[in-house]
Protein backbone atom coordinates (compact mmCIF):
# COMPACT_ATOMS: atom_id res chain seq x y z
CA MET A 1 93.74 41.54 9.10
CA THR A 2 90.40 40.44 10.55
CA LYS A 3 88.60 37.28 9.26
CA THR A 4 84.89 37.84 8.33
CA ALA A 5 82.65 35.11 9.77
CA GLU A 6 81.57 32.77 7.06
CA ARG A 7 77.72 32.61 6.73
CA PRO A 8 76.28 29.26 6.72
CA PRO A 9 74.70 28.21 3.37
CA ALA A 10 71.10 29.28 3.02
CA VAL A 11 68.77 26.09 3.19
CA ARG A 12 66.29 26.11 0.36
CA ALA A 13 62.80 25.48 1.47
CA ARG A 14 61.34 22.43 -0.43
CA PRO A 15 58.30 23.13 -2.31
CA VAL A 16 55.27 21.71 -0.79
CA LYS A 17 53.28 19.44 -3.26
CA ALA A 18 49.67 20.60 -3.72
CA PRO A 19 47.14 17.66 -3.08
CA SER A 20 46.28 16.14 -6.32
CA PRO A 21 42.66 16.58 -7.60
CA ALA A 22 42.26 12.90 -8.22
CA GLY A 23 43.21 12.12 -4.60
CA ASP A 24 40.72 14.53 -3.26
CA ARG A 25 38.07 13.30 -5.33
CA ARG A 26 38.70 9.71 -4.15
CA ARG A 27 38.66 10.74 -0.63
CA ARG A 28 35.47 12.65 -1.04
CA ARG A 29 34.01 9.70 -2.85
CA LEU A 30 34.87 7.24 -0.12
CA THR A 31 33.48 9.53 2.46
CA ASP A 32 30.21 9.92 0.58
CA HIS A 33 30.13 5.95 0.25
CA LEU A 34 30.76 5.59 3.96
CA ARG A 35 27.93 8.17 4.79
CA ALA A 36 25.56 6.49 2.40
CA TYR A 37 26.24 3.08 3.63
CA GLY A 38 25.77 4.41 7.14
CA PHE A 39 22.31 5.62 6.55
CA LEU A 40 21.54 2.38 4.52
CA LEU A 41 22.69 0.25 7.60
CA GLY A 42 20.24 2.07 9.92
CA GLY A 43 17.35 1.34 7.39
CA LEU A 44 18.31 -2.18 6.86
CA THR A 45 18.60 -2.78 10.76
CA CYS A 46 15.10 -1.34 11.04
CA PHE A 47 13.78 -3.75 8.41
CA ALA A 48 15.58 -6.64 9.79
CA LEU A 49 14.25 -6.10 13.32
CA PHE A 50 10.69 -5.11 12.51
CA SER A 51 9.91 -6.72 9.11
CA TRP A 52 12.19 -9.54 8.09
CA TYR A 53 12.69 -11.17 11.50
CA PRO A 54 8.83 -11.27 12.41
CA ALA A 55 8.37 -12.61 8.92
CA VAL A 56 10.71 -15.56 9.23
CA ARG A 57 9.65 -16.05 12.78
CA ALA A 58 6.07 -16.50 11.79
CA VAL A 59 7.11 -19.10 9.20
CA VAL A 60 8.87 -20.95 11.86
CA ILE A 61 5.90 -20.73 14.40
CA ALA A 62 3.37 -21.93 11.56
CA PHE A 63 4.91 -25.44 12.13
CA GLN A 64 4.97 -25.23 15.84
CA LYS A 65 2.42 -25.48 18.76
CA TYR A 66 3.45 -22.04 20.25
CA THR A 67 1.75 -20.04 23.19
CA PRO A 68 3.79 -17.09 24.59
CA GLY A 69 5.39 -18.12 27.70
CA SER A 70 5.76 -21.82 26.98
CA ASP A 71 8.22 -23.89 25.02
CA PRO A 72 7.35 -24.36 21.37
CA GLU A 73 6.67 -27.88 20.14
CA TRP A 74 7.24 -29.09 16.52
CA VAL A 75 3.75 -30.31 14.99
CA GLY A 76 4.76 -30.26 11.39
CA THR A 77 1.78 -29.42 9.04
CA ALA A 78 -1.05 -29.88 11.93
CA ASN A 79 -1.60 -26.28 12.17
CA PHE A 80 -2.38 -25.93 8.40
CA THR A 81 -4.62 -29.01 8.54
CA ARG A 82 -6.59 -27.49 11.62
CA VAL A 83 -7.01 -24.02 9.98
CA TRP A 84 -7.95 -25.59 6.66
CA GLN A 85 -10.67 -27.59 8.47
CA ASP A 86 -12.15 -24.49 10.30
CA PRO A 87 -15.74 -23.57 9.00
CA GLU A 88 -14.55 -19.87 9.06
CA PHE A 89 -11.67 -20.48 6.72
CA ALA A 90 -13.81 -20.81 3.61
CA ALA A 91 -16.17 -17.92 4.67
CA ALA A 92 -12.90 -15.80 5.42
CA TRP A 93 -11.52 -16.41 1.86
CA ARG A 94 -14.86 -16.01 0.19
CA ASN A 95 -15.26 -12.70 1.85
CA THR A 96 -11.86 -11.45 1.28
CA LEU A 97 -11.82 -12.30 -2.54
CA THR A 98 -15.43 -10.74 -2.82
CA PHE A 99 -14.07 -7.64 -1.06
CA THR A 100 -11.12 -7.44 -3.31
CA LEU A 101 -13.25 -7.86 -6.43
CA LEU A 102 -15.64 -5.14 -5.35
CA ALA A 103 -12.85 -2.88 -4.42
CA LEU A 104 -11.48 -3.19 -7.91
CA LEU A 105 -14.97 -2.45 -9.59
CA ILE A 106 -15.67 0.42 -7.25
CA GLY A 107 -12.40 1.74 -5.94
CA PHE A 108 -10.25 1.42 -8.85
CA ALA A 109 -12.13 3.51 -11.47
CA ILE A 110 -13.22 6.29 -9.08
CA PRO A 111 -9.72 7.65 -8.35
CA PHE A 112 -8.76 7.63 -12.00
CA VAL A 113 -11.89 9.58 -13.05
CA LEU A 114 -11.32 12.20 -10.06
CA ALA A 115 -7.73 12.55 -11.33
CA LEU A 116 -8.99 13.19 -14.69
CA VAL A 117 -11.39 15.83 -13.41
CA LEU A 118 -8.78 17.58 -11.27
CA ASN A 119 -6.38 17.63 -14.21
CA GLU A 120 -8.90 19.51 -16.36
CA LEU A 121 -9.62 22.14 -13.62
CA ARG A 122 -8.32 25.64 -14.22
CA HIS A 123 -8.85 27.28 -10.88
CA ALA A 124 -8.66 25.92 -7.18
CA LYS A 125 -6.58 22.90 -8.20
CA ALA A 126 -4.65 23.12 -4.73
CA PHE A 127 -7.96 23.27 -2.79
CA PHE A 128 -9.57 20.28 -4.33
CA ARG A 129 -6.27 18.19 -4.13
CA VAL A 130 -6.33 18.92 -0.23
CA VAL A 131 -9.95 17.98 -0.20
CA VAL A 132 -9.45 14.76 -2.00
CA TYR A 133 -6.37 13.93 0.00
CA LEU A 134 -7.99 14.75 3.33
CA PRO A 135 -9.56 11.29 4.08
CA VAL A 136 -6.04 9.79 4.08
CA MET A 137 -4.63 12.11 6.73
CA ILE A 138 -7.56 10.82 9.09
CA PRO A 139 -6.47 7.97 11.29
CA PRO A 140 -8.01 4.82 10.07
CA VAL A 141 -9.74 3.81 13.29
CA VAL A 142 -11.25 7.22 13.50
CA SER A 143 -12.41 7.04 9.95
CA ALA A 144 -13.98 3.60 10.64
CA LEU A 145 -15.77 4.96 13.66
CA LEU A 146 -17.11 8.04 11.79
CA TRP A 147 -18.58 5.53 9.17
CA LYS A 148 -20.04 3.34 11.81
CA TRP A 149 -22.02 6.25 13.05
CA PHE A 150 -22.79 7.24 9.56
CA TYR A 151 -24.16 3.61 8.88
CA ASP A 152 -26.18 3.42 12.11
CA PRO A 153 -29.57 2.02 11.03
CA GLY A 154 -31.57 3.98 13.61
CA ALA A 155 -30.14 7.62 13.68
CA GLY A 156 -27.32 7.41 11.11
CA LEU A 157 -26.73 10.07 8.71
CA ALA A 158 -27.13 7.61 5.69
CA ASN A 159 -30.61 6.64 6.59
CA GLU A 160 -31.61 10.20 7.66
CA ALA A 161 -30.81 11.43 4.20
CA LEU A 162 -32.64 8.60 2.54
CA ARG A 163 -35.76 9.44 4.72
CA LEU A 164 -35.59 13.22 3.76
CA LEU A 165 -35.51 11.94 0.11
CA HIS A 166 -38.49 9.72 0.93
CA LEU A 167 -36.39 6.66 -0.33
CA PRO A 168 -36.39 3.25 1.59
CA THR A 169 -33.70 3.01 4.34
CA SER A 170 -31.01 0.28 4.58
CA ASN A 171 -29.43 -1.71 7.27
CA TRP A 172 -25.99 -0.92 5.61
CA SER A 173 -23.31 -2.56 7.85
CA ASN A 174 -25.76 -4.32 9.99
CA GLY A 175 -27.28 -6.33 6.96
CA ALA A 176 -25.57 -9.61 5.85
CA ASP A 177 -26.21 -8.88 2.12
CA THR A 178 -25.03 -5.11 2.30
CA ALA A 179 -22.30 -5.19 5.05
CA LEU A 180 -19.43 -6.00 2.75
CA VAL A 181 -20.27 -3.55 0.12
CA SER A 182 -20.52 -0.86 2.97
CA LEU A 183 -17.11 -1.76 3.93
CA VAL A 184 -15.88 -1.42 0.39
CA ILE A 185 -17.24 2.09 0.31
CA VAL A 186 -15.42 2.90 3.50
CA ALA A 187 -12.14 1.66 2.35
CA THR A 188 -12.45 3.49 -1.05
CA TRP A 189 -13.25 6.79 0.70
CA ALA A 190 -10.43 6.54 3.19
CA ASN A 191 -7.69 5.33 0.85
CA MET A 192 -8.29 6.90 -2.54
CA GLY A 193 -6.56 10.12 -1.87
CA GLY A 194 -3.09 8.90 -2.45
CA THR A 195 -4.04 7.08 -5.65
CA VAL A 196 -5.69 10.13 -7.13
CA LEU A 197 -2.57 12.18 -6.68
CA ILE A 198 -0.39 9.57 -8.25
CA TYR A 199 -2.65 9.36 -11.29
CA LEU A 200 -2.71 13.06 -11.45
CA ALA A 201 1.15 13.35 -11.46
CA ALA A 202 1.13 10.71 -14.29
CA LEU A 203 -1.56 12.74 -16.14
CA GLN A 204 0.38 15.80 -15.90
CA SER A 205 3.58 14.09 -17.31
CA ILE A 206 1.89 13.35 -20.65
CA PRO A 207 3.03 15.80 -23.39
CA GLY A 208 0.26 18.20 -24.38
CA GLU A 209 1.24 17.75 -28.01
CA LEU A 210 -0.48 14.24 -28.18
CA TYR A 211 -3.79 15.81 -27.01
CA GLU A 212 -3.53 18.42 -29.58
CA ALA A 213 -2.79 15.89 -32.33
CA ALA A 214 -5.75 13.84 -31.25
CA GLU A 215 -8.02 16.87 -31.23
CA LEU A 216 -6.79 17.86 -34.89
CA ASP A 217 -7.64 14.40 -35.78
CA GLY A 218 -11.24 14.76 -34.54
CA ALA A 219 -11.02 12.80 -31.34
CA ASN A 220 -13.61 13.60 -28.74
CA LEU A 221 -12.99 13.41 -24.97
CA LEU A 222 -13.48 9.62 -24.56
CA GLN A 223 -11.54 8.72 -27.56
CA ARG A 224 -8.57 11.10 -26.06
CA VAL A 225 -8.84 9.26 -22.80
CA ARG A 226 -8.81 5.81 -24.58
CA HIS A 227 -6.10 6.32 -27.22
CA VAL A 228 -3.84 8.96 -25.42
CA THR A 229 -4.50 8.91 -21.68
CA VAL A 230 -4.64 5.27 -20.84
CA PRO A 231 -1.65 4.07 -23.15
CA GLN A 232 0.54 6.91 -21.49
CA THR A 233 -0.31 6.00 -17.88
CA ARG A 234 -0.56 2.19 -18.54
CA PHE A 235 2.54 1.28 -16.21
CA VAL A 236 1.16 3.35 -13.45
CA ILE A 237 -2.34 1.81 -13.66
CA LEU A 238 -0.90 -1.61 -13.72
CA MET A 239 1.32 -1.14 -10.68
CA LEU A 240 -1.43 0.66 -8.72
CA MET A 241 -3.84 -2.42 -9.54
CA LEU A 242 -1.31 -4.76 -8.15
CA LEU A 243 -0.77 -2.62 -4.95
CA GLN A 244 -4.51 -2.39 -4.59
CA ILE A 245 -5.11 -6.04 -4.83
CA ILE A 246 -2.44 -6.75 -2.25
CA ALA A 247 -3.85 -3.97 0.03
CA THR A 248 -7.50 -5.07 -0.16
CA MET A 249 -6.53 -8.77 0.36
CA GLN A 250 -5.30 -7.71 3.72
CA VAL A 251 -8.22 -5.60 4.85
CA PHE A 252 -8.75 -5.61 8.62
CA THR A 253 -9.51 -2.16 10.05
CA GLU A 254 -12.94 -1.81 8.72
CA PRO A 255 -14.30 -5.38 9.60
CA PHE A 256 -12.60 -5.11 13.03
CA VAL A 257 -14.04 -1.69 14.03
CA ILE A 258 -17.20 -1.41 12.09
CA THR A 259 -18.76 -4.95 11.96
CA GLY A 260 -16.66 -7.26 14.19
CA GLY A 261 -16.75 -9.84 11.39
CA GLY A 262 -20.68 -9.99 11.37
CA PRO A 263 -23.37 -10.23 10.94
CA GLU A 264 -23.37 -14.07 10.37
CA ASN A 265 -19.66 -14.03 9.46
CA ALA A 266 -20.44 -11.97 6.46
CA THR A 267 -17.35 -9.63 6.84
CA VAL A 268 -14.83 -11.99 8.37
CA THR A 269 -11.72 -11.57 6.27
CA VAL A 270 -8.48 -13.62 6.33
CA LEU A 271 -6.78 -10.91 8.23
CA TYR A 272 -9.50 -10.72 10.69
CA LEU A 273 -9.53 -14.53 11.16
CA ILE A 274 -5.85 -14.33 11.76
CA TYR A 275 -6.34 -11.79 14.68
CA LYS A 276 -9.03 -14.15 16.33
CA TYR A 277 -6.64 -17.14 16.07
CA ALA A 278 -3.87 -15.04 17.62
CA PHE A 279 -5.68 -12.96 20.34
CA LEU A 280 -9.03 -14.62 20.89
CA TYR A 281 -8.15 -18.33 20.65
CA ASN A 282 -4.48 -17.90 21.79
CA ASP A 283 -3.53 -20.16 18.91
CA PHE A 284 -0.32 -18.58 17.53
CA GLY A 285 0.64 -21.57 15.50
CA GLY A 286 -2.71 -21.45 13.64
CA ALA A 287 -2.54 -17.65 13.14
CA CYS A 288 0.93 -17.93 11.44
CA ALA A 289 -0.13 -20.84 9.32
CA LEU A 290 -2.99 -18.74 7.99
CA SER A 291 -0.40 -16.01 7.64
CA VAL A 292 1.80 -18.17 5.47
CA MET A 293 -1.05 -19.12 3.27
CA LEU A 294 -1.91 -15.67 2.65
CA LEU A 295 1.73 -14.84 2.02
CA ALA A 296 2.08 -17.69 -0.46
CA LEU A 297 -1.16 -16.56 -2.29
CA LEU A 298 -0.11 -13.04 -2.68
CA GLY A 299 3.44 -13.93 -3.54
CA ALA A 300 2.40 -16.25 -6.29
CA PHE A 301 -0.23 -13.78 -7.53
CA SER A 302 2.37 -10.92 -7.61
CA ALA A 303 4.87 -13.01 -9.47
CA VAL A 304 2.32 -14.21 -12.23
CA TYR A 305 0.83 -10.73 -12.45
CA LEU A 306 4.40 -9.08 -12.96
CA ARG A 307 5.18 -11.74 -15.43
CA LEU A 308 2.12 -11.34 -17.66
CA THR A 309 2.44 -7.45 -17.64
CA ARG A 310 6.13 -7.79 -18.60
CA SER A 311 5.28 -10.13 -21.44
CA GLY A 312 2.49 -7.80 -22.56
CA GLU A 313 5.07 -4.81 -22.67
CA GLU A 314 7.44 -6.80 -24.52
CA ALA A 315 4.87 -7.81 -27.08
CA ALA A 316 3.72 -4.31 -27.33
């Protein structure tokens, strides 16, 4: 009688647990966070190297006697005192504030009106948006050189057009009384394209029912703009006003390229004076001291402006 070989007991395979959905979500979330922080780290590094470090370094140099290639020497507030006593200091601040005021009077209303006109168009909207934005795409120096030729008192296009109309010509950027206004026109033309598109986007976000209700109440165009358009775009208007004031207080390209600060220091601005201290006088301490003054003024103005606008919104 033969014995049959006994079979080893079958080994049961253990069921493999499927990954839990909660664990997958946590891993995906962690991966997304790491990727986001990686991109953020690159941006923060660029800001630290090219924005924050130069700003902090400028504040330090403002209290030093510093020339590239030599050891800095601490001088306290001597740089601020010397800059304050410079005869060009008062002229630079006066021209800068006047430029800012003229830019608000001329360059703040025009983009808003153009946005209103573009918003009412029914045909060729894209074409006119490109036309309005085109000056922004031109390099600022090229734009300034074009306007310098346009303002030429001899064969410039501006005076040629006035002669054809039998009107008196002007010195434009070569006259002490007209140079600053001429630069405001250049800056307005060169920079209003982006502002117009922002206003246009704000206008298109206003519900049409508000205009329909205003029309039913008998409101004309100006009344609709006053009681519907302006209140609905108030936040955008206030923010763009703040940004425009900060930008115009730092005007440099137009005086540098078109007038060179002249005639008779009529277009010397604060930023142009900073350039002169740093690259013409080789006085980096004075340039940084003037930069700190401008930074302090713009920072204080921005804080007060935001405080007042926030208080106005809360009261409303």
